């Protein structure tokens, strides 16, 4: 028997080193190197399933749109870019108990009406999966179930049955007999994902892999796990809330940052038709420190309420807390507010929150954050029916945001009557029922409170 090769693999970037070090020499992360033992691979380990592919010129290849298969859940199809693509590999991650297995079992039950599906469970027994299906009231007559964690057995089953869609729950529970490492280790996760991706590409089977997440919310295992798959989806939201958000971080067949909104019910996950209503608080009257912004998540415009609370600091170092928004960007915006608008917050605690648990990652929220902060400091509510968006630069200028027209139409549809936007986003034609004030400096935007 060949001697096992010992190496150390970084759990953050997947870099390999010959000896253990406290700091990864590839990405600089601390305490991320894990021991990996790999035996010599047999000659047939990476042998092609259907012979070598011939070399072809790019001009000879016919470019055609990829056919998509709907999952039967419209919100899930939106995040995927319209449906599942033949031969694609989708990786979906999220906190334990947030609804990953529930959503995919519902999707498989719906897709089983038009094709063969397979659910591979490595974490639960067949009886537990059957109980979940009974609770969700889904039909399992055409859903095939395999309780297995050995990669070789799963691969043989996929090649023999050739399902249209297969779900692996989860990739961290699988192990390959070619490696001596334990299931869930970096080398096992990488090997199993690579072999399953190879099978999917050469047979046309659509694979959906469920992945665990670490304490900071990122997918467990090396980043190479996300690189080799076609689509990466993340479940967001609080497990104590009834709402779930599914965001596309990577998608080779659709738009990234696409967002799907679901409500968790006793019958499983249900799509939300009007998600903007989730992120807007229903105040009996106008309150200070609240500003509604129009954001763009993929191809979907959303209205989100940004709340700010500014209070006198009782400690030498004022606190800066941001929930749902970038904390480092908040410090930068406060500096711009002081430098170009003359508003100092060095002796104030500043708290900013995006209502509804949504995470805003685009810079178009800058103007709404600043207006909510000024409103809280002056204890003066913003005008009724106001919606805001725009990026704030270090020089105090208001920069345009992408897809401004769609944001404005969404605001007008929901009854908003006043919009403060960057001058570059001002539409050529008026939008019915919406008064637009275009600004190019932070000072002009804050004049609306005077």
Protein backbone atom coordinates (compact mmCIF):
# COMPACT_ATOMS: atom_id res chain seq x y z
CA UNK A 1 0.00 0.00 0.00
CA UNK A 2 1.34 3.41 -0.99
CA UNK A 3 2.39 5.72 1.80
CA UNK A 4 -0.07 8.52 2.48
CA UNK A 5 1.15 11.98 1.54
CA UNK A 6 0.82 14.56 4.32
CA UNK A 7 0.13 18.19 3.43
CA UNK A 8 -1.61 21.16 5.02
CA UNK A 9 -4.56 22.83 3.30
CA UNK A 10 -5.94 26.30 4.08
CA UNK A 11 -9.66 26.23 4.88
CA UNK A 12 -10.06 29.80 3.55
CA UNK A 13 -8.34 29.81 0.16
CA UNK A 14 -7.52 26.11 -0.44
CA UNK A 15 -3.78 26.74 -0.65
CA UNK A 16 -1.50 23.76 0.02
CA UNK A 17 1.76 23.88 2.00
CA UNK A 18 4.21 21.13 2.91
CA UNK A 19 4.38 22.01 6.62
CA UNK A 20 2.13 23.63 9.19
CA UNK A 21 2.40 27.37 9.73
CA UNK A 22 0.40 29.70 11.93
CA UNK A 23 -0.27 32.02 8.98
CA UNK A 24 -1.32 30.83 5.52
CA UNK A 25 1.40 31.91 3.03
CA UNK A 26 -1.19 32.20 0.24
CA UNK A 27 -3.97 34.38 1.72
CA UNK A 28 -2.52 35.52 5.05
CA UNK A 29 -5.28 34.00 7.23
CA UNK A 30 -4.30 32.82 10.69
CA UNK A 31 -4.84 29.31 12.11
CA UNK A 32 -6.54 27.98 8.97
CA UNK A 33 -4.08 25.24 7.90
CA UNK A 34 -5.45 21.73 8.41
CA UNK A 35 -3.59 18.44 8.02
CA UNK A 36 -4.58 16.36 5.00
CA UNK A 37 -3.45 12.80 4.19
CA UNK A 38 -3.88 11.59 0.64
CA UNK A 39 -3.01 8.21 -0.75
CA UNK A 40 -1.62 7.71 -4.23
CA UNK A 41 -4.40 7.93 -6.79
CA UNK A 42 -5.14 5.05 -9.15
CA UNK A 43 -4.69 5.62 -12.86
CA UNK A 44 -8.43 5.61 -13.60
CA UNK A 45 -9.36 8.17 -10.96
CA UNK A 46 -9.83 11.08 -13.38
CA UNK A 47 -10.45 9.03 -16.50
CA UNK A 48 -13.11 10.57 -18.79
CA UNK A 49 -16.52 8.94 -18.82
CA UNK A 50 -17.09 9.21 -22.54
CA UNK A 51 -13.66 9.59 -24.15
CA UNK A 52 -11.53 12.67 -24.70
CA UNK A 53 -13.16 15.82 -26.10
CA UNK A 54 -11.87 16.87 -29.55
CA UNK A 55 -10.27 20.27 -30.15
CA UNK A 56 -12.66 22.63 -31.97
CA UNK A 57 -12.44 26.22 -33.15
CA UNK A 58 -14.53 28.71 -31.24
CA UNK A 59 -16.12 29.99 -34.46
CA UNK A 60 -17.37 26.48 -35.28
CA UNK A 61 -19.29 26.10 -32.01
CA UNK A 62 -22.94 27.06 -32.20
CA UNK A 63 -23.83 29.55 -29.46
CA UNK A 64 -27.35 28.97 -28.23
CA UNK A 65 -29.35 29.92 -25.19
CA UNK A 66 -29.32 27.34 -22.42
CA UNK A 67 -32.67 25.60 -21.96
CA UNK A 68 -34.05 25.96 -18.43
CA UNK A 69 -36.26 23.68 -16.39
CA UNK A 70 -38.57 25.46 -13.92
CA UNK A 71 -38.52 24.17 -10.35
CA UNK A 72 -42.18 24.93 -9.73
CA UNK A 73 -41.26 27.63 -7.16
CA UNK A 74 -41.24 31.05 -8.92
CA UNK A 75 -39.03 32.77 -6.33
CA UNK A 76 -36.46 29.98 -6.57
CA UNK A 77 -36.52 30.20 -10.37
CA UNK A 78 -35.90 33.97 -10.14
CA UNK A 79 -32.75 33.46 -8.07
CA UNK A 80 -31.49 30.77 -10.47
CA UNK A 81 -32.02 33.08 -13.45
CA UNK A 82 -35.16 31.41 -14.79
CA UNK A 83 -34.72 27.78 -13.78
CA UNK A 84 -32.19 24.95 -13.66
CA UNK A 85 -29.79 24.39 -16.56
CA UNK A 86 -28.93 20.88 -17.74
CA UNK A 87 -25.56 19.78 -16.37
CA UNK A 88 -25.27 22.72 -13.98
CA UNK A 89 -23.94 22.38 -10.42
CA UNK A 90 -25.63 24.57 -7.81
CA UNK A 91 -24.22 25.08 -4.31
CA UNK A 92 -26.63 26.38 -1.66
CA UNK A 93 -25.54 27.27 1.86
CA UNK A 94 -27.04 28.71 5.01
CA UNK A 95 -27.34 28.40 8.77
CA UNK A 96 -28.66 25.14 10.25
CA UNK A 97 -32.45 24.97 10.30
CA UNK A 98 -32.98 27.92 7.97
CA UNK A 99 -34.81 25.87 5.33
CA UNK A 100 -32.32 24.52 2.76
CA UNK A 101 -33.56 20.92 2.84
CA UNK A 102 -37.18 22.06 3.02
CA UNK A 103 -36.90 24.22 -0.10
CA UNK A 104 -35.12 21.55 -2.15
CA UNK A 105 -37.52 18.78 -1.12
CA UNK A 106 -40.41 20.99 -2.26
CA UNK A 107 -38.62 21.70 -5.55
CA UNK A 108 -37.86 18.01 -6.19
CA UNK A 109 -41.46 17.03 -5.52
CA UNK A 110 -42.59 19.59 -8.10
CA UNK A 111 -39.98 18.60 -10.72
CA UNK A 112 -40.71 14.88 -10.29
CA UNK A 113 -43.88 15.37 -12.36
CA UNK A 114 -41.83 16.01 -15.51
CA UNK A 115 -38.61 14.06 -14.94
CA UNK A 116 -36.64 11.65 -12.76
CA UNK A 117 -35.27 13.15 -9.52
CA UNK A 118 -33.00 11.78 -6.80
CA UNK A 119 -32.53 12.96 -3.21
CA UNK A 120 -29.28 11.79 -1.61
CA UNK A 121 -29.28 12.27 2.16
CA UNK A 122 -26.18 11.83 4.27
CA UNK A 123 -27.34 13.64 7.40
CA UNK A 124 -30.81 12.17 7.96
CA UNK A 125 -32.36 8.74 7.82
CA UNK A 126 -34.96 7.92 5.15
CA UNK A 127 -37.65 7.99 7.84
CA UNK A 128 -36.73 11.55 8.83
CA UNK A 129 -36.94 12.72 5.22
CA UNK A 130 -40.31 10.97 4.86
CA UNK A 131 -41.60 12.75 7.98
CA UNK A 132 -40.53 16.11 6.54
CA UNK A 133 -42.31 15.32 3.28
CA UNK A 134 -45.45 14.37 5.18
CA UNK A 135 -45.29 17.59 7.18
CA UNK A 136 -44.86 19.65 4.02
CA UNK A 137 -47.69 17.75 2.34
CA UNK A 138 -45.58 17.08 -0.76
CA UNK A 139 -46.08 14.07 -2.99
CA UNK A 140 -43.17 11.67 -2.81
CA UNK A 141 -44.54 9.09 -5.26
CA UNK A 142 -41.95 9.97 -7.92
CA UNK A 143 -39.07 11.11 -5.67
CA UNK A 144 -36.24 8.57 -5.39
CA UNK A 145 -34.33 8.59 -2.08
CA UNK A 146 -30.82 7.31 -1.37
CA UNK A 147 -29.29 7.36 2.12
CA UNK A 148 -25.57 7.13 1.40
CA UNK A 149 -22.32 9.00 2.15
CA UNK A 150 -19.84 7.00 0.02
CA UNK A 151 -18.91 8.96 -3.09
CA UNK A 152 -18.30 5.88 -5.23
CA UNK A 153 -21.77 4.46 -4.49
CA UNK A 154 -23.44 7.81 -5.19
CA UNK A 155 -21.55 8.15 -8.48
CA UNK A 156 -22.57 4.66 -9.60
CA UNK A 157 -26.19 5.39 -8.73
CA UNK A 158 -26.15 8.64 -10.73
CA UNK A 159 -24.65 6.88 -13.77
CA UNK A 160 -27.10 3.97 -13.55
CA UNK A 161 -30.35 5.89 -12.94
CA UNK A 162 -29.46 9.13 -14.80
CA UNK A 163 -31.93 11.44 -13.00
CA UNK A 164 -32.72 14.86 -14.40
CA UNK A 165 -32.00 16.57 -11.06
CA UNK A 166 -30.18 15.23 -8.01
CA UNK A 167 -29.77 16.84 -4.57
CA UNK A 168 -26.79 16.02 -2.33
CA UNK A 169 -27.54 16.75 1.35
CA UNK A 170 -24.85 17.60 2.24
CA UNK A 171 -21.45 17.76 0.55
CA UNK A 172 -19.65 17.83 3.95
CA UNK A 173 -20.95 14.35 4.86
CA UNK A 174 -19.55 12.56 1.79
CA UNK A 175 -16.22 10.79 1.66
CA UNK A 176 -14.19 9.08 -1.01
CA UNK A 177 -12.51 5.76 -0.34
CA UNK A 178 -9.45 6.96 -2.30
CA UNK A 179 -8.57 9.36 0.55
CA UNK A 180 -7.83 8.54 4.17
CA UNK A 181 -9.04 11.88 5.53
CA UNK A 182 -12.25 12.06 7.56
CA UNK A 183 -15.55 13.24 6.01
CA UNK A 184 -15.89 17.00 6.14
CA UNK A 185 -12.15 17.65 5.88
CA UNK A 186 -10.83 20.03 3.25
CA UNK A 187 -9.44 17.31 1.01
CA UNK A 188 -12.63 15.19 1.16
CA UNK A 189 -14.92 18.15 0.42
CA UNK A 190 -12.78 19.26 -2.51
CA UNK A 191 -12.43 15.74 -3.93
CA UNK A 192 -16.14 14.90 -3.65
CA UNK A 193 -17.22 18.21 -5.17
CA UNK A 194 -14.76 17.82 -8.07
CA UNK A 195 -15.87 14.24 -8.85
CA UNK A 196 -19.58 15.10 -8.68
CA UNK A 197 -19.05 18.15 -10.91
CA UNK A 198 -17.23 15.95 -13.43
CA UNK A 199 -20.17 13.51 -13.48
CA UNK A 200 -22.70 16.34 -13.91
CA UNK A 201 -20.83 17.91 -16.84
CA UNK A 202 -20.33 14.65 -18.72
CA UNK A 203 -23.82 13.21 -18.20
CA UNK A 204 -26.01 16.35 -18.18
CA UNK A 205 -27.40 15.67 -14.70
CA UNK A 206 -28.26 18.84 -12.77
CA UNK A 207 -26.74 18.65 -9.29
CA UNK A 208 -27.71 20.73 -6.26
CA UNK A 209 -25.23 20.55 -3.40
CA UNK A 210 -26.12 21.65 0.14
CA UNK A 211 -23.17 23.11 2.04
CA UNK A 212 -22.56 23.92 5.68
CA UNK A 213 -21.48 27.40 6.80
CA UNK A 214 -18.89 28.53 9.32
CA UNK A 215 -19.41 30.78 12.34
CA UNK A 216 -18.99 33.93 10.22
CA UNK A 217 -21.59 32.74 7.71
CA UNK A 218 -19.28 31.72 4.84
CA UNK A 219 -19.40 28.29 3.24
CA UNK A 220 -17.31 25.70 5.05
CA UNK A 221 -14.35 24.28 3.16
CA UNK A 222 -11.92 26.02 0.82
CA UNK A 223 -12.98 28.74 -1.58
CA UNK A 224 -12.24 26.35 -4.44
CA UNK A 225 -15.57 24.70 -3.60
CA UNK A 226 -17.33 27.87 -4.78
CA UNK A 227 -15.04 28.22 -7.81
CA UNK A 228 -15.79 24.84 -9.39
CA UNK A 229 -19.60 25.08 -9.21
CA UNK A 230 -21.77 27.11 -11.59
CA UNK A 231 -24.09 28.81 -9.10
CA UNK A 232 -23.69 29.73 -5.43
CA UNK A 233 -26.79 30.60 -3.40
CA UNK A 234 -26.91 31.80 0.21
CA UNK A 235 -29.83 31.66 2.61
CA UNK A 236 -30.09 34.90 4.58
CA UNK A 237 -32.35 36.03 7.38
CA UNK A 238 -32.90 35.29 11.04
CA UNK A 239 -34.00 31.78 11.98
CA UNK A 240 -36.32 33.36 14.56
CA UNK A 241 -38.16 35.27 11.81
CA UNK A 242 -40.67 33.75 9.43
CA UNK A 243 -39.02 35.31 6.36
CA UNK A 244 -36.10 33.88 4.39
CA UNK A 245 -33.98 35.51 1.70
CA UNK A 246 -32.08 33.52 -0.94
CA UNK A 247 -29.35 35.49 -2.73
CA UNK A 248 -27.30 34.46 -5.77
CA UNK A 249 -23.62 35.22 -5.07
CA UNK A 250 -22.38 33.58 -8.27
CA UNK A 251 -24.32 32.50 -11.34
CA UNK A 252 -22.82 31.53 -14.68
CA UNK A 253 -26.29 31.36 -16.24
CA UNK A 254 -27.97 34.47 -14.77
CA UNK A 255 -27.61 37.69 -12.83
CA UNK A 256 -25.70 37.80 -9.55
CA UNK A 257 -27.16 39.37 -6.40
CA UNK A 258 -30.60 38.20 -7.51
CA UNK A 259 -32.86 37.93 -4.48
CA UNK A 260 -35.71 35.56 -3.70
CA UNK A 261 -38.01 36.22 -0.74
CA UNK A 262 -39.82 33.40 1.05
CA UNK A 263 -42.10 33.07 4.05
CA UNK A 264 -41.70 30.01 6.28
CA UNK A 265 -45.09 28.43 7.00
CA UNK A 266 -46.23 25.12 8.48
CA UNK A 267 -46.43 23.84 4.90
CA UNK A 268 -42.91 24.87 3.95
CA UNK A 269 -41.50 27.88 2.15
CA UNK A 270 -43.86 30.07 0.15
CA UNK A 271 -42.78 32.82 -2.24
CA UNK A 272 -43.62 36.43 -1.34
CA UNK A 273 -45.17 38.33 -4.24
CA UNK A 274 -44.64 41.85 -2.84
CA UNK A 275 -41.36 41.80 -0.88
CA UNK A 276 -41.14 45.59 -0.57
CA UNK A 277 -43.95 45.46 1.98
CA UNK A 278 -41.74 43.33 4.26
CA UNK A 279 -39.01 45.95 4.51
CA UNK A 280 -41.25 48.98 5.18
CA UNK A 281 -42.49 49.68 8.71
CA UNK A 282 -46.07 50.81 9.17
CA UNK A 283 -45.82 53.95 11.31
CA UNK A 284 -48.98 55.65 12.53
CA UNK A 285 -47.25 58.98 11.86
CA UNK A 286 -43.93 60.22 10.53
CA UNK A 287 -41.00 59.47 12.85
CA UNK A 288 -37.54 60.97 12.94
CA UNK A 289 -34.59 58.84 11.83
CA UNK A 290 -36.47 56.85 9.19
CA UNK A 291 -35.79 57.06 5.45
CA UNK A 292 -37.03 54.80 2.65
CA UNK A 293 -34.52 53.91 -0.06
CA UNK A 294 -35.01 52.23 -3.44
CA UNK A 295 -32.45 49.48 -3.95
CA UNK A 296 -31.85 47.08 -6.82
CA UNK A 297 -31.25 43.41 -6.05
CA UNK A 298 -30.33 41.76 -9.34
CA UNK A 299 -33.25 42.47 -11.66
CA UNK A 300 -35.71 43.26 -8.84
CA UNK A 301 -36.22 46.78 -7.41
CA UNK A 302 -37.01 46.83 -3.68
CA UNK A 303 -38.00 49.54 -1.24
CA UNK A 304 -36.23 49.19 2.11
CA UNK A 305 -36.57 51.35 5.20
CA UNK A 306 -33.30 52.61 6.69
CA UNK A 307 -33.50 53.60 10.36
CA UNK A 308 -30.92 55.65 12.24
CA UNK A 309 -30.59 56.56 15.90
CA UNK A 310 -28.15 59.28 17.01
CA UNK A 311 -27.69 59.72 20.75
CA UNK A 312 -25.22 61.48 23.04
CA UNK A 313 -22.21 59.29 23.75
CA UNK A 314 -21.47 58.54 27.40
CA UNK A 315 -18.07 56.95 26.74
CA UNK A 316 -14.86 58.48 25.32
CA UNK A 317 -15.14 56.42 22.13
CA UNK A 318 -18.59 56.84 20.50
CA UNK A 319 -20.11 53.65 19.14
CA UNK A 320 -20.79 53.04 15.45
CA UNK A 321 -23.13 50.09 14.88
CA UNK A 322 -24.52 49.04 11.51
CA UNK A 323 -26.96 46.16 10.94
CA UNK A 324 -27.59 45.13 7.34
CA UNK A 325 -25.17 47.77 6.01
CA UNK A 326 -21.38 48.01 5.78
CA UNK A 327 -19.94 49.20 9.09
CA UNK A 328 -16.76 50.61 7.50
CA UNK A 329 -18.80 52.62 5.02
CA UNK A 330 -20.78 54.19 7.87
CA UNK A 331 -17.59 55.69 9.32
CA UNK A 332 -16.70 57.11 5.91
CA UNK A 333 -20.15 58.67 5.46
CA UNK A 334 -19.94 60.36 8.87
CA UNK A 335 -16.61 61.88 7.83
CA UNK A 336 -18.15 63.18 4.58
CA UNK A 337 -21.09 64.59 6.56
CA UNK A 338 -18.71 66.53 8.83
CA UNK A 339 -16.40 67.76 6.08
CA UNK A 340 -18.96 68.89 3.50
CA UNK A 341 -22.15 69.54 5.49
CA UNK A 342 -20.65 70.79 8.74
CA UNK A 343 -22.45 68.18 10.87
CA UNK A 344 -20.19 66.68 13.56
CA UNK A 345 -20.91 63.33 15.21
CA UNK A 346 -17.64 62.84 17.14
CA UNK A 347 -19.52 62.99 20.46
CA UNK A 348 -22.56 60.97 19.31
CA UNK A 349 -23.39 57.27 19.19
CA UNK A 350 -24.70 56.35 15.73
CA UNK A 351 -26.79 53.22 15.09
CA UNK A 352 -28.05 52.31 11.62
CA UNK A 353 -30.38 49.42 10.71
CA UNK A 354 -31.96 48.04 7.54
CA UNK A 355 -35.50 46.93 8.44
CA UNK A 356 -36.61 43.37 7.80
CA UNK A 357 -33.23 41.62 8.06
CA UNK A 358 -32.24 42.44 4.48
CA UNK A 359 -28.56 43.03 3.75
CA UNK A 360 -27.74 46.05 1.58
CA UNK A 361 -24.37 45.76 -0.15
CA UNK A 362 -24.67 48.43 -2.85
CA UNK A 363 -23.34 52.00 -2.37
CA UNK A 364 -26.69 53.41 -3.54
CA UNK A 365 -27.81 53.37 0.11
CA UNK A 366 -25.36 56.15 1.10
CA UNK A 367 -27.75 59.07 0.66
CA UNK A 368 -30.59 57.36 2.52
CA UNK A 369 -28.26 56.58 5.46
CA UNK A 370 -27.12 60.20 5.73
CA UNK A 371 -30.64 61.61 5.53
CA UNK A 372 -31.82 59.19 8.23
CA UNK A 373 -28.90 60.26 10.45
CA UNK A 374 -29.63 63.97 9.99
CA UNK A 375 -33.32 63.37 10.64
CA UNK A 376 -32.52 61.63 13.93
CA UNK A 377 -30.01 64.29 15.03
CA UNK A 378 -32.48 67.13 14.43
CA UNK A 379 -35.44 65.05 15.67
CA UNK A 380 -37.28 66.10 12.54
CA UNK A 381 -39.16 63.54 10.37
CA UNK A 382 -38.59 63.43 6.64
CA UNK A 383 -41.47 64.45 4.36
CA UNK A 384 -44.30 61.97 3.91
CA UNK A 385 -43.91 59.68 0.89
CA UNK A 386 -40.18 60.35 0.37
CA UNK A 387 -37.91 57.81 -1.31
CA UNK A 388 -34.14 58.27 -1.72
CA UNK A 389 -31.17 56.59 -3.43
CA UNK A 390 -27.70 57.65 -4.49
CA UNK A 391 -24.00 57.06 -3.80
CA UNK A 392 -22.07 59.68 -1.85
CA UNK A 393 -18.45 60.34 -2.85
CA UNK A 394 -15.62 61.55 -0.63
CA UNK A 395 -15.80 64.98 -2.27
CA UNK A 396 -19.45 65.35 -1.23
CA UNK A 397 -20.86 64.65 -4.70
CA UNK A 398 -23.92 62.48 -5.32
CA UNK A 399 -23.10 59.75 -7.81
CA UNK A 400 -25.69 57.91 -9.92
CA UNK A 401 -26.97 54.42 -9.13
CA UNK A 402 -27.64 51.63 -11.63
CA UNK A 403 -31.19 51.08 -13.00
CA UNK A 404 -32.56 54.33 -11.64
CA UNK A 405 -35.67 54.20 -13.83
CA UNK A 406 -36.77 50.85 -12.43
CA UNK A 407 -36.30 52.10 -8.85
CA UNK A 408 -38.45 55.14 -9.51
CA UNK A 409 -41.21 53.13 -11.16
CA UNK A 410 -41.31 50.75 -8.17
CA UNK A 411 -41.61 53.73 -5.79
CA UNK A 412 -44.42 55.27 -7.84
CA UNK A 413 -46.25 51.94 -7.97
CA UNK A 414 -46.24 51.75 -4.17
CA UNK A 415 -47.63 55.27 -3.75
CA UNK A 416 -44.53 57.36 -3.01
CA UNK A 417 -44.85 60.95 -4.21
CA UNK A 418 -41.38 62.51 -3.73
CA UNK A 419 -37.94 61.21 -4.76
CA UNK A 420 -34.51 62.66 -4.05
CA UNK A 421 -32.08 61.16 -6.55
CA UNK A 422 -28.71 61.91 -8.21
CA UNK A 423 -28.92 64.38 -11.04
CA UNK A 424 -27.48 61.85 -13.47
CA UNK A 425 -30.45 59.53 -12.74
CA UNK A 426 -33.09 62.16 -13.54
CA UNK A 427 -35.50 60.64 -16.10
CA UNK A 428 -36.13 62.40 -19.39
CA UNK A 429 -39.88 61.99 -19.03
CA UNK A 430 -41.94 62.65 -15.93
CA UNK A 431 -43.26 59.69 -13.93
CA UNK A 432 -46.92 60.02 -13.09
CA UNK A 433 -47.58 60.80 -9.44
CA UNK A 434 -43.89 61.18 -8.53
CA UNK A 435 -42.15 64.52 -7.93
CA UNK A 436 -38.42 64.22 -8.56
CA UNK A 437 -35.73 66.41 -7.00
CA UNK A 438 -32.34 65.80 -8.59
CA UNK A 439 -29.27 66.81 -6.55
CA UNK A 440 -25.55 66.69 -7.21
CA UNK A 441 -24.15 67.64 -3.76
CA UNK A 442 -24.76 66.38 -0.24
CA UNK A 443 -25.55 69.93 0.92
CA UNK A 444 -28.42 70.23 -1.59
CA UNK A 445 -29.86 66.86 -0.53
CA UNK A 446 -29.96 67.85 3.14
CA UNK A 447 -31.75 71.12 2.36
CA UNK A 448 -34.97 69.13 2.08
CA UNK A 449 -35.06 68.97 5.88
CA UNK A 450 -34.94 72.76 6.25
